[in-house]
Amino acid sequence: MLRVDLRELRHGPVEVQADVAASDAMFEGLDLDLVAPVEVDGMVQAADSGEYLFRAQVGTRARSSCRRCLTDVEHDIELDLNVLFSSDPDAADDPSIYPLPVNPTHLDLGSVVREELALAVSPFALCREDCAGLCPECGADLNAGPCKCTVAAEHN
């Protein structure tokens, strides 16, 4: 599905289209709560000798907690990927290049999609920019209005 046999590139670029279930094993271990399939629409093509370019649009929807009030927040994730795979040992130190072994037979695009999704999700989600958060004393959601606790005067 997200694996390209490099022999296919002899005939030109290879289209890559997939809808990967949010529950797919390739997302296990990530701190992501995906609520929609991950849609991948792209192309792989040979570049220089021993290099391959993967360009794709990746989209999904994820859920996280607002960092201020802890309510669930769903947000779209849209990525434009331009990834270079290379077997050049001099390129191994470049974090923007995915290394390949000598004489590769395939490209594992799933690992790229997994990593790029993990990097794209903000760990600091907000339900809205002006979220008032929770009262530090009683825990009331201050977005619903002022709380009634003893420290209400301090933050209202």
N, C-alpha and C. Protein backbone atom coordinates (compact mmCIF):
# COMPACT_ATOMS: atom_id res chain seq x y z
N MET A 1 0.84 -1.19 0.00
CA MET A 1 0.00 0.00 0.00
C MET A 1 0.88 1.25 0.00
N LEU A 2 1.70 1.42 1.02
CA LEU A 2 2.61 2.56 1.05
C LEU A 2 4.05 2.05 0.92
N ARG A 3 4.19 1.13 -0.01
CA ARG A 3 5.49 0.54 -0.29
C ARG A 3 5.61 0.48 -1.81
N VAL A 4 6.71 1.03 -2.32
CA VAL A 4 6.89 1.08 -3.77
C VAL A 4 8.09 0.22 -4.15
N ASP A 5 7.86 -0.70 -5.05
CA ASP A 5 8.92 -1.53 -5.60
C ASP A 5 9.68 -0.65 -6.60
N LEU A 6 10.97 -0.50 -6.41
CA LEU A 6 11.75 0.41 -7.25
C LEU A 6 11.82 -0.04 -8.71
N ARG A 7 11.56 -1.30 -8.99
CA ARG A 7 11.53 -1.77 -10.39
C ARG A 7 10.41 -1.10 -11.16
N GLU A 8 9.34 -0.70 -10.46
CA GLU A 8 8.21 -0.04 -11.13
C GLU A 8 8.61 1.32 -11.70
N LEU A 9 9.66 1.92 -11.16
CA LEU A 9 10.08 3.26 -11.59
C LEU A 9 10.81 3.24 -12.93
N ARG A 10 11.13 2.07 -13.43
CA ARG A 10 11.78 1.97 -14.76
C ARG A 10 10.88 2.53 -15.85
N HIS A 11 9.59 2.50 -15.63
CA HIS A 11 8.63 2.95 -16.62
C HIS A 11 8.16 4.37 -16.36
N GLY A 12 8.78 5.05 -15.42
CA GLY A 12 8.40 6.42 -15.09
C GLY A 12 7.86 6.53 -13.67
N PRO A 13 7.37 7.71 -13.31
CA PRO A 13 6.86 7.94 -11.95
C PRO A 13 5.73 6.97 -11.61
N VAL A 14 5.62 6.68 -10.31
CA VAL A 14 4.60 5.76 -9.81
C VAL A 14 3.65 6.55 -8.92
N GLU A 15 2.36 6.44 -9.22
CA GLU A 15 1.35 7.08 -8.37
C GLU A 15 1.18 6.31 -7.08
N VAL A 16 0.97 7.05 -6.01
CA VAL A 16 0.73 6.45 -4.70
C VAL A 16 -0.56 7.05 -4.16
N GLN A 17 -1.57 6.22 -4.01
CA GLN A 17 -2.84 6.66 -3.45
C GLN A 17 -3.28 5.63 -2.43
N ALA A 18 -3.60 6.11 -1.24
CA ALA A 18 -4.01 5.18 -0.18
C ALA A 18 -4.88 5.90 0.83
N ASP A 19 -5.80 5.16 1.40
CA ASP A 19 -6.56 5.58 2.58
C ASP A 19 -6.19 4.58 3.66
N VAL A 20 -5.40 5.05 4.62
CA VAL A 20 -4.92 4.18 5.69
C VAL A 20 -5.80 4.40 6.91
N ALA A 21 -6.38 3.33 7.43
CA ALA A 21 -7.26 3.43 8.59
C ALA A 21 -6.52 4.05 9.76
N ALA A 22 -7.22 4.87 10.52
CA ALA A 22 -6.64 5.52 11.69
C ALA A 22 -6.14 4.48 12.69
N SER A 23 -6.72 3.30 12.68
CA SER A 23 -6.34 2.23 13.61
C SER A 23 -5.22 1.34 13.07
N ASP A 24 -4.67 1.67 11.91
CA ASP A 24 -3.63 0.85 11.30
C ASP A 24 -2.41 0.72 12.22
N ALA A 25 -1.79 -0.43 12.19
CA ALA A 25 -0.63 -0.71 13.05
C ALA A 25 0.52 0.26 12.83
N MET A 26 0.60 0.89 11.66
CA MET A 26 1.72 1.81 11.42
C MET A 26 1.67 3.05 12.30
N PHE A 27 0.52 3.33 12.92
CA PHE A 27 0.41 4.50 13.80
C PHE A 27 0.53 4.13 15.28
N GLU A 28 0.70 2.84 15.58
CA GLU A 28 0.84 2.40 16.97
C GLU A 28 2.06 3.04 17.60
N GLY A 29 1.91 3.41 18.85
CA GLY A 29 3.02 4.00 19.58
C GLY A 29 3.13 5.50 19.43
N LEU A 30 2.38 6.07 18.51
CA LEU A 30 2.37 7.53 18.36
C LEU A 30 1.35 8.11 19.33
N ASP A 31 1.63 9.26 19.82
CA ASP A 31 0.69 9.94 20.72
C ASP A 31 -0.27 10.76 19.87
N LEU A 32 -0.98 10.07 18.98
CA LEU A 32 -1.95 10.70 18.08
C LEU A 32 -3.28 10.00 18.22
N ASP A 33 -4.34 10.77 18.31
CA ASP A 33 -5.69 10.21 18.32
C ASP A 33 -6.33 10.57 16.99
N LEU A 34 -6.05 9.75 15.99
CA LEU A 34 -6.60 9.99 14.66
C LEU A 34 -8.06 9.58 14.63
N VAL A 35 -8.91 10.44 14.08
CA VAL A 35 -10.34 10.16 14.05
C VAL A 35 -10.87 10.00 12.62
N ALA A 36 -9.95 9.98 11.67
CA ALA A 36 -10.32 9.79 10.27
C ALA A 36 -9.18 9.05 9.58
N PRO A 37 -9.47 8.38 8.48
CA PRO A 37 -8.39 7.72 7.74
C PRO A 37 -7.34 8.74 7.29
N VAL A 38 -6.14 8.26 7.11
CA VAL A 38 -5.06 9.10 6.59
C VAL A 38 -5.06 8.92 5.07
N GLU A 39 -5.34 10.00 4.36
CA GLU A 39 -5.41 9.96 2.90
C GLU A 39 -4.07 10.41 2.33
N VAL A 40 -3.51 9.59 1.46
CA VAL A 40 -2.23 9.88 0.84
C VAL A 40 -2.44 9.90 -0.67
N ASP A 41 -2.04 10.98 -1.31
CA ASP A 41 -2.16 11.12 -2.76
C ASP A 41 -0.86 11.72 -3.26
N GLY A 42 -0.06 10.90 -3.93
CA GLY A 42 1.23 11.42 -4.36
C GLY A 42 1.86 10.63 -5.49
N MET A 43 3.17 10.85 -5.62
CA MET A 43 3.92 10.25 -6.70
C MET A 43 5.37 10.05 -6.25
N VAL A 44 5.96 8.95 -6.70
CA VAL A 44 7.38 8.68 -6.48
C VAL A 44 8.05 8.67 -7.84
N GLN A 45 9.20 9.33 -7.91
CA GLN A 45 9.94 9.33 -9.16
C GLN A 45 11.43 9.23 -8.87
N ALA A 46 12.16 8.67 -9.83
CA ALA A 46 13.61 8.60 -9.70
C ALA A 46 14.17 10.00 -9.88
N ALA A 47 15.19 10.31 -9.09
CA ALA A 47 15.86 11.61 -9.21
C ALA A 47 17.26 11.31 -9.73
N ASP A 48 18.28 11.74 -9.02
CA ASP A 48 19.65 11.40 -9.41
C ASP A 48 19.90 9.93 -9.13
N SER A 49 21.05 9.47 -9.51
CA SER A 49 21.43 8.08 -9.30
C SER A 49 21.34 7.73 -7.81
N GLY A 50 20.51 6.74 -7.49
CA GLY A 50 20.37 6.31 -6.11
C GLY A 50 19.49 7.20 -5.26
N GLU A 51 18.76 8.12 -5.91
CA GLU A 51 17.85 9.00 -5.18
C GLU A 51 16.45 8.93 -5.76
N TYR A 52 15.47 9.09 -4.86
CA TYR A 52 14.07 9.02 -5.26
C TYR A 52 13.31 10.12 -4.55
N LEU A 53 12.41 10.74 -5.27
CA LEU A 53 11.62 11.85 -4.73
C LEU A 53 10.18 11.39 -4.53
N PHE A 54 9.67 11.66 -3.34
CA PHE A 54 8.28 11.34 -3.01
C PHE A 54 7.58 12.66 -2.71
N ARG A 55 6.59 12.97 -3.53
CA ARG A 55 5.76 14.18 -3.34
C ARG A 55 4.34 13.71 -3.10
N ALA A 56 3.72 14.26 -2.05
CA ALA A 56 2.36 13.82 -1.74
C ALA A 56 1.63 14.84 -0.89
N GLN A 57 0.31 14.76 -0.98
CA GLN A 57 -0.56 15.47 -0.06
C GLN A 57 -1.09 14.41 0.90
N VAL A 58 -1.01 14.73 2.18
CA VAL A 58 -1.48 13.82 3.22
C VAL A 58 -2.49 14.58 4.07
N GLY A 59 -3.62 13.95 4.32
CA GLY A 59 -4.65 14.61 5.12
C GLY A 59 -5.34 13.63 6.05
N THR A 60 -5.72 14.14 7.21
CA THR A 60 -6.47 13.36 8.18
C THR A 60 -7.08 14.33 9.19
N ARG A 61 -7.68 13.78 10.21
CA ARG A 61 -8.27 14.57 11.30
C ARG A 61 -7.83 13.91 12.61
N ALA A 62 -7.46 14.74 13.58
CA ALA A 62 -6.99 14.23 14.87
C ALA A 62 -7.72 14.92 16.01
N ARG A 63 -7.73 14.24 17.14
CA ARG A 63 -8.35 14.78 18.35
C ARG A 63 -7.27 14.90 19.41
N SER A 64 -7.33 16.00 20.15
CA SER A 64 -6.43 16.19 21.28
C SER A 64 -7.16 17.01 22.33
N SER A 65 -6.50 17.28 23.43
CA SER A 65 -7.11 18.07 24.50
C SER A 65 -6.58 19.49 24.45
N CYS A 66 -7.48 20.43 24.68
CA CYS A 66 -7.07 21.83 24.76
C CYS A 66 -6.09 21.96 25.93
N ARG A 67 -5.00 22.64 25.71
CA ARG A 67 -3.98 22.74 26.76
C ARG A 67 -4.40 23.62 27.92
N ARG A 68 -5.45 24.41 27.75
CA ARG A 68 -5.90 25.29 28.82
C ARG A 68 -7.12 24.77 29.57
N CYS A 69 -8.13 24.26 28.83
CA CYS A 69 -9.37 23.85 29.50
C CYS A 69 -9.63 22.34 29.44
N LEU A 70 -8.78 21.62 28.73
CA LEU A 70 -8.82 20.16 28.62
C LEU A 70 -10.00 19.59 27.85
N THR A 71 -10.78 20.42 27.16
CA THR A 71 -11.87 19.88 26.34
C THR A 71 -11.27 19.24 25.08
N ASP A 72 -12.01 18.30 24.52
CA ASP A 72 -11.56 17.67 23.28
C ASP A 72 -11.61 18.66 22.14
N VAL A 73 -10.58 18.63 21.31
CA VAL A 73 -10.48 19.50 20.15
C VAL A 73 -10.17 18.62 18.95
N GLU A 74 -10.94 18.75 17.89
CA GLU A 74 -10.61 18.06 16.65
C GLU A 74 -10.08 19.07 15.65
N HIS A 75 -9.03 18.67 14.93
CA HIS A 75 -8.44 19.58 13.96
C HIS A 75 -7.96 18.78 12.75
N ASP A 76 -8.02 19.45 11.60
CA ASP A 76 -7.55 18.84 10.36
C ASP A 76 -6.03 18.93 10.30
N ILE A 77 -5.43 17.91 9.72
CA ILE A 77 -4.00 17.91 9.45
C ILE A 77 -3.84 17.77 7.95
N GLU A 78 -3.20 18.74 7.35
CA GLU A 78 -2.95 18.74 5.91
C GLU A 78 -1.46 18.96 5.70
N LEU A 79 -0.81 18.02 5.02
CA LEU A 79 0.63 18.10 4.78
C LEU A 79 0.94 18.04 3.29
N ASP A 80 1.90 18.82 2.87
CA ASP A 80 2.48 18.69 1.54
C ASP A 80 3.88 18.12 1.74
N LEU A 81 4.08 16.88 1.33
CA LEU A 81 5.36 16.24 1.52
C LEU A 81 6.22 16.35 0.26
N ASN A 82 7.46 16.67 0.45
CA ASN A 82 8.49 16.64 -0.59
C ASN A 82 9.69 15.97 0.06
N VAL A 83 9.81 14.68 -0.14
CA VAL A 83 10.79 13.88 0.58
C VAL A 83 11.77 13.28 -0.40
N LEU A 84 13.05 13.36 -0.04
CA LEU A 84 14.10 12.76 -0.85
C LEU A 84 14.65 11.55 -0.12
N PHE A 85 14.72 10.42 -0.82
CA PHE A 85 15.37 9.21 -0.33
C PHE A 85 16.71 9.13 -1.04
N SER A 86 17.76 8.80 -0.30
CA SER A 86 19.08 8.72 -0.92
C SER A 86 19.90 7.62 -0.29
N SER A 87 20.70 6.95 -1.13
CA SER A 87 21.64 5.95 -0.62
C SER A 87 23.05 6.54 -0.52
N ASP A 88 23.19 7.83 -0.77
CA ASP A 88 24.48 8.51 -0.67
C ASP A 88 24.87 8.61 0.81
N PRO A 89 26.00 8.01 1.20
CA PRO A 89 26.40 8.05 2.61
C PRO A 89 26.69 9.47 3.11
N ASP A 90 27.05 10.38 2.21
CA ASP A 90 27.31 11.77 2.61
C ASP A 90 26.03 12.50 2.98
N ALA A 91 24.89 12.00 2.52
CA ALA A 91 23.61 12.64 2.81
C ALA A 91 22.98 12.11 4.10
N ALA A 92 23.59 11.11 4.70
CA ALA A 92 23.00 10.46 5.88
C ALA A 92 22.84 11.41 7.07
N ASP A 93 23.65 12.46 7.14
CA ASP A 93 23.56 13.40 8.27
C ASP A 93 22.51 14.48 8.06
N ASP A 94 21.95 14.57 6.88
CA ASP A 94 20.94 15.59 6.58
C ASP A 94 19.57 15.10 7.06
N PRO A 95 18.96 15.79 8.05
CA PRO A 95 17.68 15.31 8.58
C PRO A 95 16.51 15.41 7.60
N SER A 96 16.69 16.13 6.51
CA SER A 96 15.60 16.25 5.54
C SER A 96 15.65 15.14 4.49
N ILE A 97 16.66 14.29 4.55
CA ILE A 97 16.80 13.19 3.59
C ILE A 97 16.63 11.86 4.32
N TYR A 98 15.82 11.00 3.74
CA TYR A 98 15.62 9.67 4.30
C TYR A 98 16.66 8.73 3.69
N PRO A 99 17.48 8.11 4.54
CA PRO A 99 18.55 7.25 4.02
C PRO A 99 18.01 5.91 3.50
N LEU A 100 18.70 5.42 2.50
CA LEU A 100 18.39 4.11 1.92
C LEU A 100 19.61 3.21 2.06
N PRO A 101 19.39 1.92 2.17
CA PRO A 101 20.54 1.01 2.16
C PRO A 101 21.13 0.94 0.74
N VAL A 102 22.31 0.37 0.64
CA VAL A 102 22.91 0.16 -0.68
C VAL A 102 22.04 -0.84 -1.43
N ASN A 103 21.79 -0.58 -2.69
CA ASN A 103 20.97 -1.44 -3.55
C ASN A 103 19.58 -1.71 -2.98
N PRO A 104 18.81 -0.67 -2.71
CA PRO A 104 17.45 -0.90 -2.17
C PRO A 104 16.55 -1.54 -3.21
N THR A 105 15.54 -2.25 -2.75
CA THR A 105 14.57 -2.87 -3.65
C THR A 105 13.21 -2.19 -3.59
N HIS A 106 12.99 -1.44 -2.50
CA HIS A 106 11.68 -0.79 -2.33
C HIS A 106 11.83 0.45 -1.46
N LEU A 107 10.80 1.28 -1.49
CA LEU A 107 10.70 2.44 -0.61
C LEU A 107 9.55 2.21 0.36
N ASP A 108 9.81 2.41 1.64
CA ASP A 108 8.76 2.29 2.66
C ASP A 108 8.22 3.70 2.92
N LEU A 109 7.14 4.04 2.26
CA LEU A 109 6.55 5.37 2.40
C LEU A 109 5.74 5.48 3.69
N GLY A 110 5.32 4.37 4.24
CA GLY A 110 4.56 4.37 5.49
C GLY A 110 5.34 5.00 6.63
N SER A 111 6.62 4.70 6.72
CA SER A 111 7.42 5.27 7.81
C SER A 111 7.56 6.78 7.65
N VAL A 112 7.61 7.25 6.41
CA VAL A 112 7.68 8.70 6.15
C VAL A 112 6.37 9.37 6.56
N VAL A 113 5.26 8.80 6.15
CA VAL A 113 3.95 9.36 6.50
C VAL A 113 3.78 9.38 8.01
N ARG A 114 4.14 8.31 8.67
CA ARG A 114 4.05 8.22 10.13
C ARG A 114 4.86 9.33 10.80
N GLU A 115 6.12 9.46 10.40
CA GLU A 115 7.00 10.45 11.02
C GLU A 115 6.53 11.88 10.76
N GLU A 116 6.16 12.16 9.53
CA GLU A 116 5.74 13.52 9.17
C GLU A 116 4.43 13.90 9.87
N LEU A 117 3.52 12.94 10.04
CA LEU A 117 2.29 13.22 10.79
C LEU A 117 2.60 13.54 12.24
N ALA A 118 3.48 12.74 12.83
CA ALA A 118 3.85 12.97 14.23
C ALA A 118 4.46 14.36 14.41
N LEU A 119 5.25 14.80 13.46
CA LEU A 119 5.89 16.12 13.56
C LEU A 119 4.90 17.26 13.30
N ALA A 120 3.84 16.98 12.56
CA ALA A 120 2.90 18.04 12.17
C ALA A 120 1.88 18.38 13.25
N VAL A 121 1.65 17.48 14.18
CA VAL A 121 0.61 17.70 15.19
C VAL A 121 1.20 18.53 16.33
N SER A 122 0.56 19.65 16.61
CA SER A 122 1.02 20.51 17.70
C SER A 122 0.67 19.88 19.05
N PRO A 123 1.63 19.83 19.96
CA PRO A 123 1.32 19.31 21.30
C PRO A 123 0.58 20.35 22.16
N PHE A 124 0.37 21.53 21.61
CA PHE A 124 -0.25 22.62 22.37
C PHE A 124 -1.55 23.08 21.72
N ALA A 125 -2.47 22.17 21.56
CA ALA A 125 -3.76 22.49 20.93
C ALA A 125 -4.58 23.43 21.82
N LEU A 126 -5.32 24.28 21.16
CA LEU A 126 -6.26 25.16 21.86
C LEU A 126 -7.63 24.99 21.25
N CYS A 127 -8.68 25.03 22.09
CA CYS A 127 -10.05 24.95 21.58
C CYS A 127 -10.40 26.25 20.85
N ARG A 128 -9.81 27.35 21.30
CA ARG A 128 -9.94 28.65 20.64
C ARG A 128 -8.83 29.55 21.19
N GLU A 129 -8.47 30.56 20.45
CA GLU A 129 -7.34 31.42 20.83
C GLU A 129 -7.54 32.10 22.18
N ASP A 130 -8.78 32.49 22.48
CA ASP A 130 -9.03 33.22 23.73
C ASP A 130 -9.53 32.30 24.86
N CYS A 131 -9.15 31.03 24.82
CA CYS A 131 -9.58 30.08 25.85
C CYS A 131 -9.13 30.59 27.22
N ALA A 132 -10.08 30.66 28.15
CA ALA A 132 -9.80 31.16 29.50
C ALA A 132 -9.24 30.07 30.42
N GLY A 133 -9.34 28.82 30.03
CA GLY A 133 -8.78 27.74 30.83
C GLY A 133 -9.65 27.35 32.01
N LEU A 134 -9.01 26.71 32.98
CA LEU A 134 -9.69 26.23 34.18
C LEU A 134 -9.27 27.04 35.39
N CYS A 135 -10.17 27.18 36.33
CA CYS A 135 -9.84 27.84 37.60
C CYS A 135 -8.81 26.96 38.32
N PRO A 136 -7.69 27.54 38.73
CA PRO A 136 -6.68 26.73 39.41
C PRO A 136 -7.11 26.25 40.79
N GLU A 137 -8.15 26.85 41.34
CA GLU A 137 -8.62 26.47 42.68
C GLU A 137 -9.69 25.37 42.61
N CYS A 138 -10.76 25.63 41.85
CA CYS A 138 -11.89 24.69 41.85
C CYS A 138 -11.99 23.86 40.57
N GLY A 139 -11.23 24.22 39.53
CA GLY A 139 -11.24 23.46 38.29
C GLY A 139 -12.39 23.78 37.35
N ALA A 140 -13.17 24.81 37.65
CA ALA A 140 -14.30 25.18 36.79
C ALA A 140 -13.78 25.68 35.44
N ASP A 141 -14.54 25.41 34.39
CA ASP A 141 -14.20 25.89 33.05
C ASP A 141 -14.56 27.38 32.98
N LEU A 142 -13.56 28.22 32.91
CA LEU A 142 -13.78 29.67 32.90
C LEU A 142 -14.33 30.17 31.56
N ASN A 143 -14.38 29.32 30.55
CA ASN A 143 -15.01 29.69 29.28
C ASN A 143 -16.53 29.79 29.46
N ALA A 144 -17.06 29.07 30.43
CA ALA A 144 -18.50 29.08 30.70
C ALA A 144 -18.91 30.26 31.57
N GLY A 145 -17.94 31.01 32.06
CA GLY A 145 -18.22 32.15 32.91
C GLY A 145 -17.41 32.06 34.19
N PRO A 146 -17.52 33.09 35.04
CA PRO A 146 -16.74 33.10 36.27
C PRO A 146 -17.18 31.97 37.21
N CYS A 147 -16.22 31.44 37.95
CA CYS A 147 -16.56 30.38 38.91
C CYS A 147 -17.00 31.03 40.22
N LYS A 148 -17.44 30.19 41.13
CA LYS A 148 -17.98 30.67 42.40
C LYS A 148 -17.04 30.40 43.59
N CYS A 149 -15.80 30.00 43.33
CA CYS A 149 -14.93 29.64 44.44
C CYS A 149 -14.34 30.88 45.12
N THR A 150 -13.59 30.64 46.16
CA THR A 150 -13.06 31.74 46.99
C THR A 150 -12.03 32.57 46.27
N VAL A 151 -11.40 32.03 45.23
CA VAL A 151 -10.39 32.83 44.51
C VAL A 151 -10.97 33.44 43.24
N ALA A 152 -12.29 33.41 43.11
CA ALA A 152 -12.93 33.93 41.91
C ALA A 152 -12.56 35.39 41.65
N ALA A 153 -12.44 36.16 42.66
CA ALA A 153 -12.13 37.59 42.50
C ALA A 153 -10.72 37.78 41.92
N GLU A 154 -9.84 36.84 42.16
CA GLU A 154 -8.46 36.95 41.67
C GLU A 154 -8.35 36.80 40.17
N HIS A 155 -9.20 35.97 39.55
CA HIS A 155 -9.07 35.74 38.11
C HIS A 155 -10.29 36.16 37.31
N ASN A 156 -11.22 36.82 37.91
CA ASN A 156 -12.39 37.32 37.18
C ASN A 156 -12.29 38.79 36.95
